Amino acid sequence: MNKETTTQHISHRFDEELAAAKGQLFEMGGIVETQVSNAIQALLELDSKLAKSVVKKDQIINSMEISIDEDCALILARRQPAASDLRLVLTIIKTTTDLERVGDEANKMAKQAINLAEEGMSPKGHIEIRHIGQRVTKMLRDSLDCLVRQDIQLALKVAQEDKAVDLEYGTAIRELVTYMMEDPRSISRVMNIMWSLRALERIGDHARNIAEHVIYLVQGDDVRHMGLEKMAEKVQQS
């Protein structure tokens, strides 16, 4: 085997390893999306059986995170990628971390659903769970779509949507606190809803993080901790 053939073989193996890591990441993303949807459904329907299945599957997500991290560590050690390939490996690692944390938040919601199934339906908060849940579920889906397509315009939209979710979350929490003050008997059940809303808000944050990783992947610009206006300027410059 001559030098050129060897180089081509190494390059081909590298491409295969990157493709395998991306494939695992997108598989993990699909599982996490389902976990979030099922956790929301379990909350709204007080379906403890569905909620328990979400809790049980959380370990699968944790195992996938470890596997992907190990594969990426081997790629970095063996191939020492540079430029865009290095950014891709780092993006996979960072996105995997965010997806694992989204899975943790789905797990928390599922446990709140189990509590509510035992205590009885909360008198308030279900409309907010449904509405904010729909928004963050779409954010998560869009963040993964923009990663697949390397679409920084969609990534920017995800970041902008996170701001709107934060505002809606703040309004919902204030209304629930007021309700608990008026009816102390509802505190335990409404607190379960509040913790669930907090989990949804955090899922929105992680979806934004993934969108920011996409901008870094495509442009090489680290837009973390950057305001939306400045982020939009960076995206428009591309």
Protein backbone atom coordinates (compact mmCIF):
# COMPACT_ATOMS: atom_id res chain seq x y z
CA MET A 1 0.00 0.00 0.00
CA ASN A 2 1.57 3.30 -1.11
CA LYS A 3 1.52 6.56 0.83
CA GLU A 4 -1.40 8.04 -1.13
CA THR A 5 -3.52 4.93 -0.65
CA THR A 6 -2.73 4.89 3.05
CA THR A 7 -3.72 8.54 3.38
CA GLN A 8 -7.01 7.89 1.58
CA HIS A 9 -7.71 4.90 3.82
CA ILE A 10 -7.08 6.92 6.98
CA SER A 11 -9.28 9.74 5.66
CA HIS A 12 -12.06 7.28 4.85
CA ARG A 13 -11.87 5.73 8.33
CA PHE A 14 -12.01 9.20 9.87
CA ASP A 15 -15.13 10.06 7.86
CA GLU A 16 -16.75 6.79 8.97
CA GLU A 17 -15.97 7.50 12.64
CA LEU A 18 -17.44 11.00 12.39
CA ALA A 19 -20.54 9.68 10.63
CA ALA A 20 -21.01 7.02 13.32
CA ALA A 21 -20.73 9.62 16.10
CA LYS A 22 -23.26 11.86 14.36
CA GLY A 23 -25.58 8.91 13.86
CA GLN A 24 -25.48 8.08 17.57
CA LEU A 25 -26.11 11.73 18.42
CA PHE A 26 -29.19 11.95 16.22
CA GLU A 27 -30.48 8.64 17.58
CA MET A 28 -30.07 10.02 21.10
CA GLY A 29 -31.87 13.20 20.04
CA GLY A 30 -34.85 11.18 18.81
CA ILE A 31 -35.08 9.29 22.09
CA VAL A 32 -34.85 12.49 24.11
CA GLU A 33 -37.60 14.13 22.02
CA THR A 34 -39.87 11.18 22.73
CA GLN A 35 -39.03 11.33 26.44
CA VAL A 36 -40.03 15.00 26.62
CA SER A 37 -43.28 14.43 24.72
CA ASN A 38 -44.19 11.46 26.90
CA ALA A 39 -43.38 13.34 30.11
CA ILE A 40 -45.66 16.21 29.07
CA GLN A 41 -48.43 13.79 28.12
CA ALA A 42 -48.05 11.97 31.45
CA LEU A 43 -48.42 15.28 33.29
CA LEU A 44 -51.48 16.38 31.39
CA GLU A 45 -53.23 13.01 31.61
CA LEU A 46 -51.88 11.98 35.06
CA ASP A 47 -50.67 8.79 33.42
CA SER A 48 -48.38 7.23 36.01
CA LYS A 49 -47.65 4.20 33.81
CA LEU A 50 -46.34 6.40 31.02
CA ALA A 51 -44.44 8.53 33.53
CA LYS A 52 -42.73 5.47 34.99
CA SER A 53 -41.65 4.39 31.50
CA VAL A 54 -39.98 7.79 31.06
CA VAL A 55 -38.12 7.38 34.35
CA LYS A 56 -37.03 3.86 33.38
CA LYS A 57 -35.65 4.95 29.99
CA ASP A 58 -33.55 7.76 31.46
CA GLN A 59 -30.70 5.29 31.98
CA ILE A 60 -30.62 4.61 28.23
CA ILE A 61 -29.91 8.28 27.59
CA ASN A 62 -27.17 8.32 30.23
CA SER A 63 -25.52 5.29 28.64
CA MET A 64 -25.65 6.87 25.19
CA GLU A 65 -23.97 10.02 26.50
CA ILE A 66 -21.08 7.96 27.87
CA SER A 67 -20.75 5.97 24.64
CA ILE A 68 -20.70 9.05 22.40
CA ASP A 69 -18.23 10.83 24.67
CA GLU A 70 -15.91 7.82 24.57
CA ASP A 71 -16.09 7.64 20.77
CA CYS A 72 -15.37 11.35 20.42
CA ALA A 73 -12.44 11.10 22.84
CA LEU A 74 -10.95 8.34 20.66
CA ILE A 75 -11.44 10.45 17.53
CA LEU A 76 -9.63 13.37 19.14
CA ALA A 77 -6.79 11.15 20.35
CA ARG A 78 -6.31 9.17 17.14
CA ARG A 79 -7.08 11.70 14.42
CA GLN A 80 -6.22 15.04 16.02
CA PRO A 81 -8.75 16.80 13.75
CA ALA A 82 -8.30 20.43 12.83
CA ALA A 83 -10.56 23.34 11.79
CA SER A 84 -14.11 22.33 10.84
CA ASP A 85 -13.65 18.67 11.78
CA LEU A 86 -12.51 19.67 15.25
CA ARG A 87 -15.53 21.96 15.61
CA LEU A 88 -17.80 19.09 14.58
CA VAL A 89 -16.39 16.75 17.23
CA LEU A 90 -16.67 19.45 19.90
CA THR A 91 -20.23 20.21 18.80
CA ILE A 92 -21.19 16.54 19.10
CA ILE A 93 -19.73 16.41 22.63
CA LYS A 94 -21.48 19.60 23.74
CA THR A 95 -24.80 18.66 22.16
CA THR A 96 -24.69 15.23 23.79
CA THR A 97 -24.30 16.90 27.17
CA ASP A 98 -27.30 19.15 26.54
CA LEU A 99 -29.43 16.23 25.36
CA GLU A 100 -28.56 14.25 28.49
CA ARG A 101 -29.67 17.20 30.60
CA VAL A 102 -32.89 17.49 28.63
CA GLY A 103 -33.45 13.83 29.46
CA ASP A 104 -32.91 14.66 33.13
CA GLU A 105 -35.57 17.38 32.93
CA ALA A 106 -38.01 14.96 31.28
CA ASN A 107 -37.27 12.56 34.11
CA LYS A 108 -38.11 15.26 36.66
CA MET A 109 -41.41 16.01 34.93
CA ALA A 110 -42.30 12.33 34.88
CA LYS A 111 -41.71 12.12 38.64
CA GLN A 112 -43.96 15.15 39.18
CA ALA A 113 -46.61 13.40 37.09
CA ILE A 114 -46.37 10.37 39.38
CA ASN A 115 -46.77 12.63 42.42
CA LEU A 116 -49.81 14.33 40.90
CA ALA A 117 -51.36 10.99 39.99
CA GLU A 118 -51.12 10.05 43.67
CA GLU A 119 -52.22 13.41 45.14
CA GLY A 120 -54.88 14.35 42.61
CA MET A 121 -55.01 16.85 39.77
CA SER A 122 -53.68 20.35 40.37
CA PRO A 123 -56.38 23.04 40.17
CA LYS A 124 -54.09 25.28 38.12
CA GLY A 125 -51.27 25.17 35.61
CA HIS A 126 -52.36 22.60 33.06
CA ILE A 127 -52.93 25.16 30.30
CA GLU A 128 -49.46 26.54 30.93
CA ILE A 129 -47.92 23.06 30.86
CA ARG A 130 -49.61 22.34 27.54
CA HIS A 131 -48.69 25.63 25.90
CA ILE A 132 -45.11 25.97 27.13
CA GLY A 133 -44.65 22.24 26.54
CA GLN A 134 -45.62 22.62 22.88
CA ARG A 135 -43.22 25.53 22.47
CA VAL A 136 -40.18 23.86 24.00
CA THR A 137 -40.88 20.58 22.20
CA LYS A 138 -40.77 22.48 18.90
CA MET A 139 -37.63 24.31 20.05
CA LEU A 140 -35.91 21.01 20.76
CA ARG A 141 -36.98 19.55 17.42
CA ASP A 142 -35.86 22.67 15.55
CA SER A 143 -32.50 22.72 17.35
CA LEU A 144 -31.80 19.17 16.18
CA ASP A 145 -33.07 19.97 12.67
CA CYS A 146 -30.77 22.97 12.38
CA LEU A 147 -27.88 20.74 13.47
CA VAL A 148 -28.69 18.16 10.79
CA ARG A 149 -29.00 20.86 8.12
CA GLN A 150 -26.36 23.18 9.63
CA ASP A 151 -28.99 25.93 9.30
CA ILE A 152 -27.85 28.96 11.30
CA GLN A 153 -30.97 30.97 10.45
CA LEU A 154 -33.12 28.33 12.13
CA ALA A 155 -30.61 28.26 15.00
CA LEU A 156 -31.17 31.98 15.51
CA LYS A 157 -34.95 31.47 15.56
CA VAL A 158 -34.56 28.83 18.30
CA ALA A 159 -32.52 31.28 20.40
CA GLN A 160 -35.15 33.98 19.89
CA GLU A 161 -37.95 31.61 20.87
CA ASP A 162 -36.14 30.85 24.14
CA LYS A 163 -36.59 34.48 25.17
CA ALA A 164 -40.34 34.23 24.58
CA VAL A 165 -40.53 31.00 26.60
CA ASP A 166 -38.69 32.65 29.49
CA LEU A 167 -41.22 35.47 29.56
CA GLU A 168 -44.19 33.10 29.44
CA TYR A 169 -42.65 30.97 32.18
CA GLY A 170 -42.22 34.01 34.43
CA THR A 171 -45.84 35.03 33.96
CA ALA A 172 -47.09 31.52 34.70
CA ILE A 173 -45.04 31.25 37.91
CA ARG A 174 -46.32 34.58 39.21
CA GLU A 175 -49.92 33.53 38.61
CA LEU A 176 -49.39 30.19 40.36
CA VAL A 177 -47.75 31.83 43.38
CA THR A 178 -50.71 34.19 43.67
CA TYR A 179 -53.12 31.24 43.47
CA MET A 180 -51.28 29.34 46.23
CA MET A 181 -51.43 32.39 48.49
CA GLU A 182 -55.19 32.54 47.97
CA ASP A 183 -55.69 28.80 48.50
CA PRO A 184 -52.98 27.26 50.74
CA ARG A 185 -54.63 23.84 50.44
CA SER A 186 -53.43 23.69 46.82
CA ILE A 187 -49.75 24.33 47.60
CA SER A 188 -48.47 20.77 47.29
CA ARG A 189 -50.17 20.04 43.98
CA VAL A 190 -49.42 23.43 42.45
CA MET A 191 -45.76 23.10 43.46
CA ASN A 192 -45.58 19.95 41.33
CA ILE A 193 -46.79 22.00 38.38
CA MET A 194 -44.30 24.77 39.12
CA TRP A 195 -41.39 22.32 39.20
CA SER A 196 -42.62 20.88 35.90
CA LEU A 197 -42.77 24.32 34.33
CA ARG A 198 -39.23 24.93 35.57
CA ALA A 199 -38.14 21.73 33.86
CA LEU A 200 -39.74 22.88 30.60
CA GLU A 201 -38.03 26.25 30.86
CA ARG A 202 -34.69 24.48 31.31
CA ILE A 203 -35.37 22.30 28.25
CA GLY A 204 -35.81 25.53 26.29
CA ASP A 205 -32.43 26.69 27.58
CA HIS A 206 -30.76 23.49 26.42
CA ALA A 207 -32.43 23.76 23.00
CA ARG A 208 -30.96 27.24 22.72
CA ASN A 209 -27.55 25.86 23.72
CA ILE A 210 -27.74 23.33 20.89
CA ALA A 211 -28.65 26.11 18.46
CA GLU A 212 -25.63 28.09 19.65
CA HIS A 213 -23.42 25.04 19.07
CA VAL A 214 -24.68 24.97 15.46
CA ILE A 215 -23.64 28.58 14.89
CA TYR A 216 -20.21 27.72 16.30
CA LEU A 217 -20.00 24.66 14.06
CA VAL A 218 -20.89 26.53 10.88
CA GLN A 219 -19.18 29.88 11.47
CA GLY A 220 -16.62 29.25 14.17
CA ASP A 221 -18.22 32.02 16.28
CA ASP A 222 -18.77 31.31 19.97
CA VAL A 223 -22.11 33.06 20.61
CA ARG A 224 -22.66 31.74 24.13
CA HIS A 225 -23.57 34.47 26.63
CA MET A 226 -24.19 36.80 23.69
CA GLY A 227 -27.36 38.90 23.45
CA LEU A 228 -29.87 38.10 20.74
CA GLU A 229 -29.14 41.30 18.83
CA LYS A 230 -25.43 40.61 18.69
CA MET A 231 -26.09 36.98 17.80
CA ALA A 232 -28.34 38.05 14.93
CA GLU A 233 -25.56 40.33 13.65
CA LYS A 234 -23.12 37.41 13.65
CA VAL A 235 -25.56 35.19 11.76
CA GLN A 236 -26.36 37.88 9.19
CA GLN A 237 -22.66 38.36 8.50
CA SER A 238 -22.36 34.82 7.19
